[in-house]
């Protein structure tokens, strides 16, 4: 019943910007973490940025710090990921995910983290 749908991906030149959106439905609980993940061909899924609804704390992968910003949407379990100064190595399928309960953002975004619901993904390609 929980549905997460990503949008906003596309083709952009290096140095450009994209804003990804995660539309959520069927989710009305107060406490969760919501995050963005990406997976490039031949690579492990990587936690890009996660945010806790309990206190607004955030996590950013070192590779995207000072370039990406996660923000809260108007609807519960919704999120935006503003991506600036994009690099070719940012090319991947980006997924939105939700982890239910009170968690630190790194509990979701770290390599040992987990999520309960996932979106279908949106392709981001950074190329000149």
N, C-alpha and C. Protein backbone atom coordinates (compact mmCIF):
# COMPACT_ATOMS: atom_id res chain seq x y z
N UNK A 1 0.82 -1.22 0.00
CA UNK A 1 0.00 0.00 0.00
C UNK A 1 0.85 1.26 0.00
N UNK A 2 2.03 1.18 0.60
CA UNK A 2 2.94 2.31 0.56
C UNK A 2 3.56 2.38 -0.82
N UNK A 3 3.51 3.54 -1.40
CA UNK A 3 4.05 3.73 -2.73
C UNK A 3 4.96 4.95 -2.74
N UNK A 4 6.14 4.77 -3.27
CA UNK A 4 7.09 5.84 -3.43
C UNK A 4 7.42 5.95 -4.91
N UNK A 5 7.32 7.14 -5.44
CA UNK A 5 7.56 7.36 -6.86
C UNK A 5 8.54 8.50 -7.03
N UNK A 6 9.68 8.20 -7.62
CA UNK A 6 10.70 9.20 -7.88
C UNK A 6 10.46 9.86 -9.23
N UNK A 7 10.87 11.09 -9.33
CA UNK A 7 10.84 11.80 -10.60
C UNK A 7 11.91 12.88 -10.59
N UNK A 8 12.19 13.42 -11.75
CA UNK A 8 13.14 14.52 -11.85
C UNK A 8 14.47 14.15 -12.45
N UNK A 9 14.69 12.88 -12.71
CA UNK A 9 15.94 12.47 -13.31
C UNK A 9 16.02 12.87 -14.77
N UNK A 10 17.18 12.70 -15.34
CA UNK A 10 17.37 13.03 -16.73
C UNK A 10 18.83 13.15 -17.08
N UNK A 11 19.08 13.72 -18.23
CA UNK A 11 20.43 13.93 -18.72
C UNK A 11 20.84 15.37 -18.47
N UNK A 12 22.00 15.54 -17.85
CA UNK A 12 22.49 16.87 -17.53
C UNK A 12 24.00 16.91 -17.75
N UNK A 13 24.50 18.08 -18.12
CA UNK A 13 25.93 18.24 -18.32
C UNK A 13 26.66 18.38 -16.99
N UNK A 14 27.94 18.02 -16.95
CA UNK A 14 28.71 18.24 -15.72
C UNK A 14 28.61 19.69 -15.27
N UNK A 15 28.45 19.87 -13.97
CA UNK A 15 28.26 21.19 -13.41
C UNK A 15 26.82 21.62 -13.32
N UNK A 16 25.93 20.88 -13.95
CA UNK A 16 24.53 21.21 -13.92
C UNK A 16 23.84 20.76 -12.65
N UNK A 17 22.54 20.99 -12.61
CA UNK A 17 21.74 20.68 -11.43
C UNK A 17 20.49 19.92 -11.80
N UNK A 18 20.04 19.10 -10.88
CA UNK A 18 18.76 18.41 -10.98
C UNK A 18 18.11 18.40 -9.61
N UNK A 19 16.80 18.37 -9.60
CA UNK A 19 16.04 18.25 -8.36
C UNK A 19 15.16 17.02 -8.45
N UNK A 20 15.45 16.04 -7.64
CA UNK A 20 14.67 14.82 -7.60
C UNK A 20 13.55 14.95 -6.59
N UNK A 21 12.40 14.37 -6.93
CA UNK A 21 11.25 14.39 -6.05
C UNK A 21 10.83 12.97 -5.72
N UNK A 22 10.37 12.78 -4.50
CA UNK A 22 9.83 11.50 -4.07
C UNK A 22 8.41 11.73 -3.58
N UNK A 23 7.44 11.29 -4.36
CA UNK A 23 6.05 11.38 -3.98
C UNK A 23 5.66 10.13 -3.21
N UNK A 24 5.02 10.32 -2.07
CA UNK A 24 4.66 9.21 -1.20
C UNK A 24 3.15 9.13 -1.01
N UNK A 25 2.65 7.92 -0.95
CA UNK A 25 1.24 7.68 -0.65
C UNK A 25 1.11 6.45 0.21
N UNK A 26 0.02 6.37 0.97
CA UNK A 26 -0.24 5.22 1.82
C UNK A 26 0.63 5.17 3.06
N UNK A 27 1.22 6.30 3.43
CA UNK A 27 2.11 6.35 4.58
C UNK A 27 1.78 7.57 5.41
N UNK A 28 1.24 7.34 6.62
CA UNK A 28 0.82 8.44 7.47
C UNK A 28 1.41 8.42 8.87
N UNK A 29 2.42 7.63 9.10
CA UNK A 29 3.05 7.56 10.42
C UNK A 29 3.96 8.76 10.65
N UNK A 30 4.16 9.07 11.90
CA UNK A 30 4.94 10.25 12.25
C UNK A 30 6.44 10.05 12.16
N UNK A 31 6.91 8.86 12.48
CA UNK A 31 8.34 8.65 12.64
C UNK A 31 8.90 7.71 11.58
N UNK A 32 9.92 8.18 10.94
CA UNK A 32 10.56 7.45 9.87
C UNK A 32 11.83 8.18 9.49
N UNK A 33 12.67 7.51 8.77
CA UNK A 33 13.71 8.19 8.02
C UNK A 33 13.41 8.00 6.54
N UNK A 34 13.71 9.00 5.77
CA UNK A 34 13.53 8.92 4.34
C UNK A 34 14.85 9.28 3.69
N UNK A 35 15.20 8.53 2.66
CA UNK A 35 16.51 8.73 2.09
C UNK A 35 16.56 8.50 0.59
N UNK A 36 17.69 8.88 0.05
CA UNK A 36 17.98 8.71 -1.36
C UNK A 36 19.20 7.82 -1.51
N UNK A 37 19.08 6.87 -2.40
CA UNK A 37 20.13 5.92 -2.70
C UNK A 37 20.40 5.93 -4.19
N UNK A 38 21.55 5.46 -4.55
CA UNK A 38 21.85 5.36 -5.97
C UNK A 38 22.63 4.09 -6.24
N UNK A 39 22.49 3.60 -7.45
CA UNK A 39 23.22 2.42 -7.87
C UNK A 39 23.63 2.57 -9.32
N UNK A 40 24.92 2.50 -9.53
CA UNK A 40 25.48 2.53 -10.87
C UNK A 40 25.79 1.12 -11.31
N UNK A 41 25.83 0.87 -12.62
CA UNK A 41 26.12 -0.48 -13.11
C UNK A 41 27.43 -1.02 -12.54
N UNK A 42 27.39 -2.24 -12.02
CA UNK A 42 28.57 -2.87 -11.49
C UNK A 42 28.99 -2.41 -10.11
N UNK A 43 28.20 -1.55 -9.49
CA UNK A 43 28.55 -1.03 -8.17
C UNK A 43 27.46 -1.34 -7.15
N UNK A 44 27.85 -1.34 -5.90
CA UNK A 44 26.90 -1.53 -4.82
C UNK A 44 26.00 -0.31 -4.69
N UNK A 45 24.81 -0.54 -4.18
CA UNK A 45 23.92 0.55 -3.87
C UNK A 45 24.54 1.41 -2.78
N UNK A 46 24.44 2.71 -2.95
CA UNK A 46 25.06 3.65 -2.05
C UNK A 46 24.02 4.57 -1.43
N UNK A 47 24.10 4.75 -0.13
CA UNK A 47 23.25 5.73 0.53
C UNK A 47 23.78 7.12 0.27
N UNK A 48 22.98 7.94 -0.38
CA UNK A 48 23.39 9.29 -0.77
C UNK A 48 23.08 10.29 0.33
N UNK A 49 21.84 10.31 0.76
CA UNK A 49 21.40 11.25 1.78
C UNK A 49 20.14 10.72 2.45
N UNK A 50 20.09 10.82 3.76
CA UNK A 50 18.93 10.38 4.51
C UNK A 50 18.58 11.42 5.57
N UNK A 51 17.31 11.47 5.90
CA UNK A 51 16.82 12.44 6.87
C UNK A 51 15.85 11.78 7.83
N UNK A 52 16.01 12.08 9.12
CA UNK A 52 15.12 11.57 10.15
C UNK A 52 13.97 12.54 10.38
N UNK A 53 12.75 12.00 10.42
CA UNK A 53 11.59 12.85 10.68
C UNK A 53 11.49 13.26 12.15
N UNK A 54 12.18 12.54 13.05
CA UNK A 54 12.05 12.81 14.47
C UNK A 54 12.73 14.12 14.88
N UNK A 55 13.89 14.39 14.31
CA UNK A 55 14.60 15.61 14.69
C UNK A 55 15.18 16.37 13.50
N UNK A 56 14.95 15.87 12.30
CA UNK A 56 15.45 16.55 11.12
C UNK A 56 16.92 16.34 10.85
N UNK A 57 17.57 15.48 11.60
CA UNK A 57 18.98 15.24 11.37
C UNK A 57 19.19 14.58 10.01
N UNK A 58 20.33 14.81 9.44
CA UNK A 58 20.60 14.35 8.08
C UNK A 58 21.94 13.64 7.99
N UNK A 59 22.06 12.86 6.95
CA UNK A 59 23.29 12.18 6.60
C UNK A 59 23.57 12.45 5.13
N UNK A 60 24.83 12.67 4.82
CA UNK A 60 25.26 12.81 3.45
C UNK A 60 26.49 11.96 3.21
N UNK A 61 26.49 11.26 2.12
CA UNK A 61 27.70 10.56 1.71
C UNK A 61 28.80 11.58 1.46
N UNK A 62 30.02 11.22 1.78
CA UNK A 62 31.12 12.15 1.63
C UNK A 62 31.26 12.65 0.20
N UNK A 63 30.89 11.82 -0.76
CA UNK A 63 31.03 12.18 -2.16
C UNK A 63 30.06 13.27 -2.62
N UNK A 64 29.01 13.52 -1.83
CA UNK A 64 28.00 14.50 -2.25
C UNK A 64 27.87 15.67 -1.29
N UNK A 65 28.63 15.67 -0.21
CA UNK A 65 28.56 16.76 0.75
C UNK A 65 28.88 18.09 0.07
N UNK A 66 28.12 19.11 0.43
CA UNK A 66 28.25 20.46 -0.09
C UNK A 66 27.77 20.59 -1.53
N UNK A 67 27.26 19.51 -2.10
CA UNK A 67 26.69 19.56 -3.43
C UNK A 67 25.21 19.19 -3.44
N UNK A 68 24.83 18.21 -2.63
CA UNK A 68 23.45 17.73 -2.57
C UNK A 68 22.80 18.20 -1.28
N UNK A 69 21.49 18.42 -1.34
CA UNK A 69 20.73 18.80 -0.16
C UNK A 69 19.42 18.04 -0.14
N UNK A 70 19.14 17.36 0.96
CA UNK A 70 17.87 16.69 1.13
C UNK A 70 16.93 17.62 1.88
N UNK A 71 15.68 17.68 1.46
CA UNK A 71 14.72 18.55 2.11
C UNK A 71 13.38 17.83 2.25
N UNK A 72 12.61 18.33 3.18
CA UNK A 72 11.30 17.75 3.46
C UNK A 72 10.26 18.30 2.51
N UNK A 73 9.40 17.42 2.02
CA UNK A 73 8.30 17.83 1.18
C UNK A 73 7.08 18.19 1.98
N UNK A 74 6.01 18.59 1.27
CA UNK A 74 4.78 18.97 1.95
C UNK A 74 4.03 17.77 2.52
N UNK A 75 4.04 16.65 1.83
CA UNK A 75 3.36 15.46 2.28
C UNK A 75 4.28 14.61 3.16
N UNK A 76 3.66 13.82 4.04
CA UNK A 76 4.44 12.90 4.86
C UNK A 76 5.15 11.89 3.99
N UNK A 77 6.34 11.55 4.40
CA UNK A 77 7.18 10.58 3.71
C UNK A 77 7.53 11.03 2.29
N UNK A 78 7.53 12.33 2.07
CA UNK A 78 7.94 12.90 0.79
C UNK A 78 9.29 13.60 0.98
N UNK A 79 10.04 13.68 -0.09
CA UNK A 79 11.37 14.25 0.00
C UNK A 79 11.80 14.82 -1.34
N UNK A 80 12.70 15.77 -1.26
CA UNK A 80 13.36 16.32 -2.43
C UNK A 80 14.86 16.21 -2.25
N UNK A 81 15.54 15.96 -3.32
CA UNK A 81 16.99 15.94 -3.32
C UNK A 81 17.48 16.92 -4.37
N UNK A 82 18.03 18.02 -3.90
CA UNK A 82 18.61 19.02 -4.79
C UNK A 82 20.06 18.64 -5.05
N UNK A 83 20.39 18.46 -6.30
CA UNK A 83 21.73 18.04 -6.69
C UNK A 83 22.36 19.14 -7.53
N UNK A 84 23.44 19.71 -7.02
CA UNK A 84 24.15 20.77 -7.70
C UNK A 84 25.56 20.33 -8.07
N UNK A 85 26.13 21.03 -9.02
CA UNK A 85 27.49 20.74 -9.47
C UNK A 85 27.67 19.25 -9.75
N UNK A 86 26.78 18.72 -10.55
CA UNK A 86 26.80 17.29 -10.84
C UNK A 86 28.05 16.88 -11.59
N UNK A 87 28.51 15.69 -11.29
CA UNK A 87 29.70 15.12 -11.88
C UNK A 87 29.35 13.83 -12.60
N UNK A 88 30.16 13.43 -13.58
CA UNK A 88 29.87 12.16 -14.27
C UNK A 88 29.75 10.98 -13.32
N UNK A 89 30.51 10.98 -12.24
CA UNK A 89 30.43 9.88 -11.29
C UNK A 89 29.14 9.85 -10.49
N UNK A 90 28.30 10.87 -10.63
CA UNK A 90 26.98 10.86 -10.03
C UNK A 90 25.98 10.07 -10.85
N UNK A 91 26.36 9.66 -12.04
CA UNK A 91 25.46 8.91 -12.91
C UNK A 91 25.05 7.60 -12.24
N UNK A 92 23.75 7.40 -12.12
CA UNK A 92 23.22 6.21 -11.46
C UNK A 92 21.70 6.25 -11.53
N UNK A 93 21.09 5.14 -11.14
CA UNK A 93 19.66 5.14 -10.87
C UNK A 93 19.49 5.56 -9.41
N UNK A 94 18.65 6.55 -9.19
CA UNK A 94 18.42 7.07 -7.85
C UNK A 94 17.09 6.57 -7.32
N UNK A 95 17.11 6.09 -6.09
CA UNK A 95 15.94 5.53 -5.45
C UNK A 95 15.59 6.30 -4.18
N UNK A 96 14.31 6.46 -3.95
CA UNK A 96 13.80 6.97 -2.69
C UNK A 96 13.39 5.79 -1.82
N UNK A 97 13.64 5.89 -0.52
CA UNK A 97 13.31 4.80 0.39
C UNK A 97 12.87 5.34 1.74
N UNK A 98 12.07 4.55 2.44
CA UNK A 98 11.58 4.91 3.77
C UNK A 98 11.89 3.78 4.74
N UNK A 99 12.36 4.16 5.92
CA UNK A 99 12.59 3.23 7.02
C UNK A 99 11.70 3.66 8.16
N UNK A 100 10.80 2.78 8.60
CA UNK A 100 9.83 3.12 9.63
C UNK A 100 10.46 3.10 11.01
N UNK A 101 10.00 3.99 11.87
CA UNK A 101 10.47 4.06 13.24
C UNK A 101 11.38 5.25 13.48
N UNK A 102 11.89 5.31 14.71
CA UNK A 102 12.81 6.38 15.09
C UNK A 102 14.23 5.87 14.88
N UNK A 103 14.89 6.43 13.89
CA UNK A 103 16.23 6.01 13.55
C UNK A 103 17.09 7.21 13.26
N UNK A 104 18.37 7.04 13.49
CA UNK A 104 19.33 8.02 13.02
C UNK A 104 19.46 7.87 11.51
N UNK A 105 19.72 8.95 10.81
CA UNK A 105 19.79 8.83 9.35
C UNK A 105 20.85 7.85 8.87
N UNK A 106 21.95 7.73 9.62
CA UNK A 106 22.97 6.78 9.21
C UNK A 106 22.52 5.34 9.39
N UNK A 107 21.49 5.10 10.22
CA UNK A 107 20.94 3.76 10.35
C UNK A 107 20.30 3.30 9.05
N UNK A 108 19.88 4.24 8.24
CA UNK A 108 19.31 3.91 6.94
C UNK A 108 20.35 4.00 5.83
N UNK A 109 21.14 5.07 5.87
CA UNK A 109 22.00 5.37 4.73
C UNK A 109 23.33 4.63 4.73
N UNK A 110 23.79 4.17 5.86
CA UNK A 110 25.07 3.48 5.91
C UNK A 110 24.98 2.15 5.18
N UNK A 111 26.15 1.58 4.92
CA UNK A 111 26.21 0.31 4.19
C UNK A 111 25.47 -0.81 4.92
N UNK A 112 25.41 -0.73 6.24
CA UNK A 112 24.72 -1.75 7.04
C UNK A 112 23.28 -1.37 7.34
N UNK A 113 22.81 -0.28 6.80
CA UNK A 113 21.46 0.18 7.05
C UNK A 113 20.42 -0.61 6.28
N UNK A 114 19.16 -0.23 6.48
CA UNK A 114 18.07 -0.91 5.82
C UNK A 114 16.90 0.04 5.62
N UNK A 115 16.01 -0.34 4.72
CA UNK A 115 14.80 0.42 4.46
C UNK A 115 13.63 -0.54 4.31
N UNK A 116 12.42 -0.03 4.53
CA UNK A 116 11.22 -0.85 4.45
C UNK A 116 10.51 -0.74 3.11
N UNK A 117 10.60 0.41 2.48
CA UNK A 117 9.91 0.65 1.22
C UNK A 117 10.83 1.36 0.25
N UNK A 118 10.67 1.03 -1.00
CA UNK A 118 11.50 1.58 -2.05
C UNK A 118 10.67 2.04 -3.23
N UNK A 119 11.13 3.08 -3.88
CA UNK A 119 10.55 3.51 -5.12
C UNK A 119 11.14 2.75 -6.29
N UNK A 120 10.70 3.08 -7.48
CA UNK A 120 11.12 2.35 -8.67
C UNK A 120 12.42 2.88 -9.27
N UNK A 121 12.83 4.05 -8.86
CA UNK A 121 14.07 4.62 -9.33
C UNK A 121 13.88 5.58 -10.49
N UNK A 122 14.80 6.52 -10.59
CA UNK A 122 14.84 7.45 -11.70
C UNK A 122 16.28 7.60 -12.16
N UNK A 123 16.48 7.59 -13.45
CA UNK A 123 17.83 7.62 -14.01
C UNK A 123 18.38 9.03 -14.03
N UNK A 124 19.59 9.17 -13.53
CA UNK A 124 20.34 10.42 -13.62
C UNK A 124 21.61 10.14 -14.41
N UNK A 125 21.79 10.87 -15.48
CA UNK A 125 22.97 10.72 -16.32
C UNK A 125 23.66 12.06 -16.45
N UNK A 126 24.92 12.10 -16.06
CA UNK A 126 25.72 13.32 -16.13
C UNK A 126 26.80 13.10 -17.17
N UNK A 127 26.69 13.79 -18.27
CA UNK A 127 27.60 13.58 -19.38
C UNK A 127 27.65 14.81 -20.26
N UNK A 128 28.82 15.06 -20.83
CA UNK A 128 28.98 16.14 -21.77
C UNK A 128 28.81 15.67 -23.21
